[in-house]
PDB file of N, CA and C in Angstrom:
ATOM      1  N   MET A   1       0.859  -1.172   0.000  1.00  0.00           N
ATOM      2  CA  MET A   1       0.000   0.000   0.000  1.00  0.00           C
ATOM      3  C   MET A   1       0.903   1.232   0.000  1.00  0.00           C
ATOM      4  N   LYS A   2       0.542   2.208  -0.818  1.00  0.00           N
ATOM      5  CA  LYS A   2       1.326   3.439  -0.907  1.00  0.00           C
ATOM      6  C   LYS A   2       0.450   4.626  -0.496  1.00  0.00           C
ATOM      7  N   SER A   3       1.018   5.547   0.272  1.00  0.00           N
ATOM      8  CA  SER A   3       0.304   6.734   0.754  1.00  0.00           C
ATOM      9  C   SER A   3       0.587   7.931  -0.138  1.00  0.00           C
ATOM     10  N   TYR A   4      -0.437   8.774  -0.288  1.00  0.00           N
ATOM     11  CA  TYR A   4      -0.327   9.977  -1.116  1.00  0.00           C
ATOM     12  C   TYR A   4      -0.873  11.174  -0.355  1.00  0.00           C
ATOM     13  N   GLU A   5      -0.300  12.342  -0.633  1.00  0.00           N
ATOM     14  CA  GLU A   5      -0.765  13.607  -0.064  1.00  0.00           C
ATOM     15  C   GLU A   5      -0.829  14.615  -1.200  1.00  0.00           C
ATOM     16  N   PHE A   6      -1.932  15.350  -1.267  1.00  0.00           N
ATOM     17  CA  PHE A   6      -2.165  16.284  -2.364  1.00  0.00           C
ATOM     18  C   PHE A   6      -2.673  17.595  -1.784  1.00  0.00           C
ATOM     19  N   THR A   7      -2.164  18.717  -2.285  1.00  0.00           N
ATOM     20  CA  THR A   7      -2.643  20.039  -1.873  1.00  0.00           C
ATOM     21  C   THR A   7      -3.589  20.563  -2.947  1.00  0.00           C
ATOM     22  N   PRO A   8      -4.890  20.607  -2.641  1.00  0.00           N
ATOM     23  CA  PRO A   8      -5.862  21.077  -3.632  1.00  0.00           C
ATOM     24  C   PRO A   8      -5.783  22.588  -3.848  1.00  0.00           C
ATOM     25  N   GLN A   9      -6.286  23.033  -4.983  1.00  0.00           N
ATOM     26  CA  GLN A   9      -6.262  24.451  -5.364  1.00  0.00           C
ATOM     27  C   GLN A   9      -7.691  24.989  -5.496  1.00  0.00           C
ATOM     28  N   ARG A  10      -7.911  26.228  -5.030  1.00  0.00           N
ATOM     29  CA  ARG A  10      -9.163  26.967  -5.205  1.00  0.00           C
ATOM     30  C   ARG A  10     -10.388  26.311  -4.561  1.00  0.00           C
ATOM     31  N   VAL A  11     -10.175  25.533  -3.488  1.00  0.00           N
ATOM     32  CA  VAL A  11     -11.285  24.918  -2.754  1.00  0.00           C
ATOM     33  C   VAL A  11     -11.055  25.101  -1.261  1.00  0.00           C
ATOM     34  N   CYS A  12     -12.059  24.776  -0.474  1.00  0.00           N
ATOM     35  CA  CYS A  12     -11.958  24.949   0.980  1.00  0.00           C
ATOM     36  C   CYS A  12     -11.035  23.923   1.636  1.00  0.00           C
ATOM     37  N   ALA A  13     -11.003  22.704   1.115  1.00  0.00           N
ATOM     38  CA  ALA A  13     -10.111  21.685   1.681  1.00  0.00           C
ATOM     39  C   ALA A  13      -8.658  22.119   1.476  1.00  0.00           C
ATOM     40  N   ARG A  14      -7.829  21.885   2.491  1.00  0.00           N
ATOM     41  CA  ARG A  14      -6.423  22.286   2.438  1.00  0.00           C
ATOM     42  C   ARG A  14      -5.486  21.136   2.088  1.00  0.00           C
ATOM     43  N   LYS A  15      -5.959  19.910   2.319  1.00  0.00           N
ATOM     44  CA  LYS A  15      -5.109  18.753   2.044  1.00  0.00           C
ATOM     45  C   LYS A  15      -5.990  17.530   1.816  1.00  0.00           C
ATOM     46  N   ILE A  16      -5.537  16.652   0.911  1.00  0.00           N
ATOM     47  CA  ILE A  16      -6.199  15.371   0.666  1.00  0.00           C
ATOM     48  C   ILE A  16      -5.144  14.286   0.847  1.00  0.00           C
ATOM     49  N   THR A  17      -5.461  13.281   1.658  1.00  0.00           N
ATOM     50  CA  THR A  17      -4.557  12.145   1.826  1.00  0.00           C
ATOM     51  C   THR A  17      -5.330  10.858   1.558  1.00  0.00           C
ATOM     52  N   PHE A  18      -4.633   9.865   1.018  1.00  0.00           N
ATOM     53  CA  PHE A  18      -5.249   8.564   0.748  1.00  0.00           C
ATOM     54  C   PHE A  18      -4.155   7.544   0.491  1.00  0.00           C
ATOM     55  N   ASP A  19      -4.547   6.288   0.539  1.00  0.00           N
ATOM     56  CA  ASP A  19      -3.657   5.185   0.201  1.00  0.00           C
ATOM     57  C   ASP A  19      -4.219   4.478  -1.018  1.00  0.00           C
ATOM     58  N   LEU A  20      -3.333   3.928  -1.845  1.00  0.00           N
ATOM     59  CA  LEU A  20      -3.727   3.048  -2.942  1.00  0.00           C
ATOM     60  C   LEU A  20      -3.057   1.700  -2.714  1.00  0.00           C
ATOM     61  N   ASP A  21      -3.842   0.628  -2.831  1.00  0.00           N
ATOM     62  CA  ASP A  21      -3.267  -0.708  -2.694  1.00  0.00           C
ATOM     63  C   ASP A  21      -2.679  -1.170  -4.027  1.00  0.00           C
ATOM     64  N   GLU A  22      -2.215  -2.407  -4.079  1.00  0.00           N
ATOM     65  CA  GLU A  22      -1.562  -2.933  -5.278  1.00  0.00           C
ATOM     66  C   GLU A  22      -2.493  -2.944  -6.487  1.00  0.00           C
ATOM     67  N   GLU A  23      -3.790  -3.035  -6.241  1.00  0.00           N
ATOM     68  CA  GLU A  23      -4.779  -3.055  -7.323  1.00  0.00           C
ATOM     69  C   GLU A  23      -5.309  -1.657  -7.644  1.00  0.00           C
ATOM     70  N   LYS A  24      -4.660  -0.633  -7.073  1.00  0.00           N
ATOM     71  CA  LYS A  24      -5.028   0.776  -7.286  1.00  0.00           C
ATOM     72  C   LYS A  24      -6.439   1.074  -6.768  1.00  0.00           C
ATOM     73  N   ARG A  25      -6.753   0.501  -5.603  1.00  0.00           N
ATOM     74  CA  ARG A  25      -8.024   0.773  -4.938  1.00  0.00           C
ATOM     75  C   ARG A  25      -7.771   1.749  -3.785  1.00  0.00           C
ATOM     76  N   ILE A  26      -8.751   2.610  -3.535  1.00  0.00           N
ATOM     77  CA  ILE A  26      -8.625   3.703  -2.558  1.00  0.00           C
ATOM     78  C   ILE A  26      -8.883   3.205  -1.138  1.00  0.00           C
ATOM     79  N   HIS A  27      -8.047   3.670  -0.209  1.00  0.00           N
ATOM     80  CA  HIS A  27      -8.225   3.373   1.218  1.00  0.00           C
ATOM     81  C   HIS A  27      -7.836   4.605   2.028  1.00  0.00           C
ATOM     82  N   HIS A  28      -8.481   4.767   3.179  1.00  0.00           N
ATOM     83  CA  HIS A  28      -8.141   5.802   4.166  1.00  0.00           C
ATOM     84  C   HIS A  28      -8.171   7.221   3.588  1.00  0.00           C
ATOM     85  N   LEU A  29      -9.142   7.506   2.744  1.00  0.00           N
ATOM     86  CA  LEU A  29      -9.268   8.843   2.150  1.00  0.00           C
ATOM     87  C   LEU A  29      -9.693   9.853   3.210  1.00  0.00           C
ATOM     88  N   LYS A  30      -8.939  10.941   3.318  1.00  0.00           N
ATOM     89  CA  LYS A  30      -9.234  12.006   4.284  1.00  0.00           C
ATOM     90  C   LYS A  30      -9.017  13.365   3.630  1.00  0.00           C
ATOM     91  N   PHE A  31      -9.905  14.292   3.965  1.00  0.00           N
ATOM     92  CA  PHE A  31      -9.766  15.688   3.562  1.00  0.00           C
ATOM     93  C   PHE A  31      -9.505  16.497   4.818  1.00  0.00           C
ATOM     94  N   GLN A  32      -8.594  17.458   4.746  1.00  0.00           N
ATOM     95  CA  GLN A  32      -8.383  18.401   5.841  1.00  0.00           C
ATOM     96  C   GLN A  32      -9.020  19.707   5.409  1.00  0.00           C
ATOM     97  N   GLY A  33      -9.967  20.202   6.204  1.00  0.00           N
ATOM     98  CA  GLY A  33     -10.716  21.397   5.842  1.00  0.00           C
ATOM     99  C   GLY A  33     -11.887  21.024   4.949  1.00  0.00           C
ATOM    100  N   GLY A  34     -12.626  22.030   4.522  1.00  0.00           N
ATOM    101  CA  GLY A  34     -13.780  21.772   3.667  1.00  0.00           C
ATOM    102  C   GLY A  34     -15.022  21.423   4.469  1.00  0.00           C
ATOM    103  N   CYS A  35     -16.020  20.880   3.806  1.00  0.00           N
ATOM    104  CA  CYS A  35     -17.312  20.522   4.411  1.00  0.00           C
ATOM    105  C   CYS A  35     -17.213  19.125   5.025  1.00  0.00           C
ATOM    106  N   PRO A  36     -17.093  19.020   6.344  1.00  0.00           N
ATOM    107  CA  PRO A  36     -16.797  17.737   6.975  1.00  0.00           C
ATOM    108  C   PRO A  36     -17.783  16.619   6.639  1.00  0.00           C
ATOM    109  N   GLY A  37     -19.064  16.895   6.690  1.00  0.00           N
ATOM    110  CA  GLY A  37     -20.052  15.845   6.431  1.00  0.00           C
ATOM    111  C   GLY A  37     -19.955  15.292   5.023  1.00  0.00           C
ATOM    112  N   ASN A  38     -19.925  16.177   4.042  1.00  0.00           N
ATOM    113  CA  ASN A  38     -19.863  15.741   2.644  1.00  0.00           C
ATOM    114  C   ASN A  38     -18.547  15.045   2.321  1.00  0.00           C
ATOM    115  N   LEU A  39     -17.451  15.579   2.803  1.00  0.00           N
ATOM    116  CA  LEU A  39     -16.151  15.003   2.471  1.00  0.00           C
ATOM    117  C   LEU A  39     -15.920  13.680   3.188  1.00  0.00           C
ATOM    118  N   SER A  40     -16.441  13.542   4.391  1.00  0.00           N
ATOM    119  CA  SER A  40     -16.376  12.263   5.092  1.00  0.00           C
ATOM    120  C   SER A  40     -17.197  11.217   4.344  1.00  0.00           C
ATOM    121  N   ALA A  41     -18.355  11.624   3.833  1.00  0.00           N
ATOM    122  CA  ALA A  41     -19.205  10.706   3.059  1.00  0.00           C
ATOM    123  C   ALA A  41     -18.493  10.247   1.787  1.00  0.00           C
ATOM    124  N   ILE A  42     -17.797  11.164   1.113  1.00  0.00           N
ATOM    125  CA  ILE A  42     -17.048  10.785  -0.094  1.00  0.00           C
ATOM    126  C   ILE A  42     -16.014   9.717   0.265  1.00  0.00           C
ATOM    127  N   GLY A  43     -15.324   9.898   1.376  1.00  0.00           N
ATOM    128  CA  GLY A  43     -14.340   8.911   1.815  1.00  0.00           C
ATOM    129  C   GLY A  43     -14.962   7.545   2.052  1.00  0.00           C
ATOM    130  N   LYS A  44     -16.126   7.516   2.676  1.00  0.00           N
ATOM    131  CA  LYS A  44     -16.812   6.243   2.922  1.00  0.00           C
ATOM    132  C   LYS A  44     -17.280   5.601   1.622  1.00  0.00           C
ATOM    133  N   LEU A  45     -17.819   6.404   0.721  1.00  0.00           N
ATOM    134  CA  LEU A  45     -18.317   5.878  -0.552  1.00  0.00           C
ATOM    135  C   LEU A  45     -17.204   5.314  -1.431  1.00  0.00           C
ATOM    136  N   LEU A  46     -16.020   5.900  -1.350  1.00  0.00           N
ATOM    137  CA  LEU A  46     -14.926   5.487  -2.226  1.00  0.00           C
ATOM    138  C   LEU A  46     -14.010   4.427  -1.619  1.00  0.00           C
ATOM    139  N   GLU A  47     -14.184   4.093  -0.355  1.00  0.00           N
ATOM    140  CA  GLU A  47     -13.328   3.089   0.283  1.00  0.00           C
ATOM    141  C   GLU A  47     -13.370   1.778  -0.506  1.00  0.00           C
ATOM    142  N   GLY A  48     -12.200   1.334  -0.943  1.00  0.00           N
ATOM    143  CA  GLY A  48     -12.092   0.079  -1.673  1.00  0.00           C
ATOM    144  C   GLY A  48     -12.420   0.151  -3.154  1.00  0.00           C
ATOM    145  N   ARG A  49     -12.782   1.335  -3.644  1.00  0.00           N
ATOM    146  CA  ARG A  49     -13.125   1.475  -5.068  1.00  0.00           C
ATOM    147  C   ARG A  49     -11.888   1.743  -5.905  1.00  0.00           C
ATOM    148  N   SER A  50     -12.015   1.466  -7.171  1.00  0.00           N
ATOM    149  CA  SER A  50     -10.950   1.710  -8.135  1.00  0.00           C
ATOM    150  C   SER A  50     -10.650   3.204  -8.229  1.00  0.00           C
ATOM    151  N   ALA A  51      -9.384   3.563  -8.144  1.00  0.00           N
ATOM    152  CA  ALA A  51      -8.981   4.968  -8.256  1.00  0.00           C
ATOM    153  C   ALA A  51      -9.336   5.517  -9.636  1.00  0.00           C
ATOM    154  N   ARG A  52      -9.163   4.722 -10.682  1.00  0.00           N
ATOM    155  CA  ARG A  52      -9.486   5.168 -12.045  1.00  0.00           C
ATOM    156  C   ARG A  52     -10.981   5.455 -12.171  1.00  0.00           C
ATOM    157  N   GLU A  53     -11.811   4.555 -11.673  1.00  0.00           N
ATOM    158  CA  GLU A  53     -13.260   4.737 -11.731  1.00  0.00           C
ATOM    159  C   GLU A  53     -13.673   5.986 -10.952  1.00  0.00           C
ATOM    160  N   ALA A  54     -13.120   6.165  -9.760  1.00  0.00           N
ATOM    161  CA  ALA A  54     -13.453   7.333  -8.937  1.00  0.00           C
ATOM    162  C   ALA A  54     -13.037   8.622  -9.636  1.00  0.00           C
ATOM    163  N   ALA A  55     -11.842   8.654 -10.202  1.00  0.00           N
ATOM    164  CA  ALA A  55     -11.369   9.855 -10.900  1.00  0.00           C
ATOM    165  C   ALA A  55     -12.287  10.191 -12.067  1.00  0.00           C
ATOM    166  N   ASP A  56     -12.704   9.176 -12.814  1.00  0.00           N
ATOM    167  CA  ASP A  56     -13.595   9.402 -13.956  1.00  0.00           C
ATOM    168  C   ASP A  56     -14.947   9.959 -13.522  1.00  0.00           C
ATOM    169  N   ILE A  57     -15.472   9.458 -12.409  1.00  0.00           N
ATOM    170  CA  ILE A  57     -16.776   9.909 -11.909  1.00  0.00           C
ATOM    171  C   ILE A  57     -16.706  11.343 -11.383  1.00  0.00           C
ATOM    172  N   LEU A  58     -15.638  11.683 -10.670  1.00  0.00           N
ATOM    173  CA  LEU A  58     -15.546  12.970  -9.971  1.00  0.00           C
ATOM    174  C   LEU A  58     -15.024  14.116 -10.831  1.00  0.00           C
ATOM    175  N   ARG A  59     -14.318  13.796 -11.904  1.00  0.00           N
ATOM    176  CA  ARG A  59     -13.705  14.825 -12.755  1.00  0.00           C
ATOM    177  C   ARG A  59     -14.757  15.810 -13.267  1.00  0.00           C
ATOM    178  N   GLY A  60     -14.466  17.111 -13.127  1.00  0.00           N
ATOM    179  CA  GLY A  60     -15.321  18.160 -13.674  1.00  0.00           C
ATOM    180  C   GLY A  60     -16.428  18.641 -12.757  1.00  0.00           C
ATOM    181  N   ASN A  61     -16.581  18.037 -11.585  1.00  0.00           N
ATOM    182  CA  ASN A  61     -17.595  18.486 -10.635  1.00  0.00           C
ATOM    183  C   ASN A  61     -17.211  19.882 -10.128  1.00  0.00           C
ATOM    184  N   GLU A  62     -18.159  20.822 -10.136  1.00  0.00           N
ATOM    185  CA  GLU A  62     -17.870  22.200  -9.711  1.00  0.00           C
ATOM    186  C   GLU A  62     -18.604  22.569  -8.430  1.00  0.00           C
ATOM    187  N   CYS A  63     -18.057  23.549  -7.710  1.00  0.00           N
ATOM    188  CA  CYS A  63     -18.650  24.066  -6.483  1.00  0.00           C
ATOM    189  C   CYS A  63     -18.623  25.592  -6.513  1.00  0.00           C
ATOM    190  N   ALA A  64     -19.754  26.202  -6.331  1.00  0.00           N
ATOM    191  CA  ALA A  64     -19.865  27.655  -6.142  1.00  0.00           C
ATOM    192  C   ALA A  64     -19.159  28.476  -7.220  1.00  0.00           C
ATOM    193  N   GLY A  65     -19.221  28.032  -8.466  1.00  0.00           N
ATOM    194  CA  GLY A  65     -18.642  28.791  -9.569  1.00  0.00           C
ATOM    195  C   GLY A  65     -17.127  28.887  -9.561  1.00  0.00           C
ATOM    196  N   LYS A  66     -16.452  28.001  -8.822  1.00  0.00           N
ATOM    197  CA  LYS A  66     -14.987  28.041  -8.719  1.00  0.00           C
ATOM    198  C   LYS A  66     -14.296  27.360  -9.895  1.00  0.00           C
ATOM    199  N   GLY A  67     -15.062  26.656 -10.726  1.00  0.00           N
ATOM    200  CA  GLY A  67     -14.459  25.911 -11.823  1.00  0.00           C
ATOM    201  C   GLY A  67     -13.852  24.593 -11.373  1.00  0.00           C
ATOM    202  N   THR A  68     -13.985  24.285 -10.101  1.00  0.00           N
ATOM    203  CA  THR A  68     -13.481  23.037  -9.528  1.00  0.00           C
ATOM    204  C   THR A  68     -14.255  22.770  -8.246  1.00  0.00           C
ATOM    205  N   SER A  69     -13.921  21.730  -7.550  1.00  0.00           N
ATOM    206  CA  SER A  69     -14.531  21.380  -6.264  1.00  0.00           C
ATOM    207  C   SER A  69     -13.576  20.451  -5.537  1.00  0.00           C
ATOM    208  N   CYS A  70     -13.892  20.127  -4.306  1.00  0.00           N
ATOM    209  CA  CYS A  70     -13.056  19.166  -3.582  1.00  0.00           C
ATOM    210  C   CYS A  70     -13.059  17.818  -4.305  1.00  0.00           C
ATOM    211  N   ALA A  71     -14.215  17.412  -4.832  1.00  0.00           N
ATOM    212  CA  ALA A  71     -14.300  16.147  -5.573  1.00  0.00           C
ATOM    213  C   ALA A  71     -13.464  16.205  -6.850  1.00  0.00           C
ATOM    214  N   ASP A  72     -13.526  17.312  -7.572  1.00  0.00           N
ATOM    215  CA  ASP A  72     -12.728  17.479  -8.788  1.00  0.00           C
ATOM    216  C   ASP A  72     -11.235  17.472  -8.446  1.00  0.00           C
ATOM    217  N   GLN A  73     -10.871  18.118  -7.351  1.00  0.00           N
ATOM    218  CA  GLN A  73      -9.473  18.120  -6.925  1.00  0.00           C
ATOM    219  C   GLN A  73      -9.023  16.712  -6.529  1.00  0.00           C
ATOM    220  N   LEU A  74      -9.930  15.938  -5.927  1.00  0.00           N
ATOM    221  CA  LEU A  74      -9.607  14.548  -5.622  1.00  0.00           C
ATOM    222  C   LEU A  74      -9.343  13.777  -6.914  1.00  0.00           C
ATOM    223  N   SER A  75     -10.132  14.036  -7.950  1.00  0.00           N
ATOM    224  CA  SER A  75      -9.889  13.346  -9.228  1.00  0.00           C
ATOM    225  C   SER A  75      -8.487  13.669  -9.743  1.00  0.00           C
ATOM    226  N   LYS A  76      -8.056  14.906  -9.586  1.00  0.00           N
ATOM    227  CA  LYS A  76      -6.706  15.300 -10.016  1.00  0.00           C
ATOM    228  C   LYS A  76      -5.641  14.586  -9.176  1.00  0.00           C
ATOM    229  N   ALA A  77      -5.893  14.485  -7.870  1.00  0.00           N
ATOM    230  CA  ALA A  77      -4.952  13.787  -6.989  1.00  0.00           C
ATOM    231  C   ALA A  77      -4.849  12.311  -7.365  1.00  0.00           C
ATOM    232  N   LEU A  78      -5.978  11.690  -7.655  1.00  0.00           N
ATOM    233  CA  LEU A  78      -5.979  10.277  -8.035  1.00  0.00           C
ATOM    234  C   LEU A  78      -5.260  10.068  -9.363  1.00  0.00           C
ATOM    235  N   GLU A  79      -5.514  10.954 -10.324  1.00  0.00           N
ATOM    236  CA  GLU A  79      -4.850  10.842 -11.627  1.00  0.00           C
ATOM    237  C   GLU A  79      -3.335  10.998 -11.488  1.00  0.00           C
ATOM    238  N   LYS A  80      -2.916  11.924 -10.629  1.00  0.00           N
ATOM    239  CA  LYS A  80      -1.481  12.112 -10.394  1.00  0.00           C
ATOM    240  C   LYS A  80      -0.878  10.850  -9.779  1.00  0.00           C
ATOM    241  N   ALA A  81      -1.566  10.287  -8.790  1.00  0.00           N
ATOM    242  CA  ALA A  81      -1.075   9.067  -8.145  1.00  0.00           C
ATOM    243  C   ALA A  81      -1.010   7.908  -9.137  1.00  0.00           C
ATOM    244  N   LEU A  82      -2.003   7.793  -9.993  1.00  0.00           N
ATOM    245  CA  LEU A  82      -2.030   6.702 -10.971  1.00  0.00           C
ATOM    246  C   LEU A  82      -0.927   6.842 -12.016  1.00  0.00           C
ATOM    247  N   SER A  83      -0.481   8.073 -12.253  1.00  0.00           N
ATOM    248  CA  SER A  83       0.551   8.297 -13.271  1.00  0.00           C
ATOM    249  C   SER A  83       1.964   7.996 -12.759  1.00  0.00           C
ATOM    250  N   GLU A  84       2.105   7.837 -11.460  1.00  0.00           N
ATOM    251  CA  GLU A  84       3.434   7.575 -10.868  1.00  0.00           C
ATOM    252  C   GLU A  84       3.847   6.124 -11.045  1.00  0.00           C
TER     253      GLU A  84
END
C-alpha cells in the first residue's frame, strides 16, 4: 500500500490524503478542511473502489462557480497518483 498527499487548489479543503493498494483501490481517504459531512461521506463511498473509476466519476464536478470542487481536486490527486 502506498500513501499519497495532495494540496488542492481553489477549494476549501487544504489537504487530501489517501492510500492506494496494489490493485489501485482507494483506502483511508481524508480531507483536511472543507465541508466535513460531505467530504467524510465521499471517503466512505470510495473506500475500496478503483482509483481510475473514482477519478472518472468525480472529474469536472464544480462548487460555487470556482471551476473546480473538492471532488474534482480529488480526481486530479488520483490521476497524479495513478501516473506515478
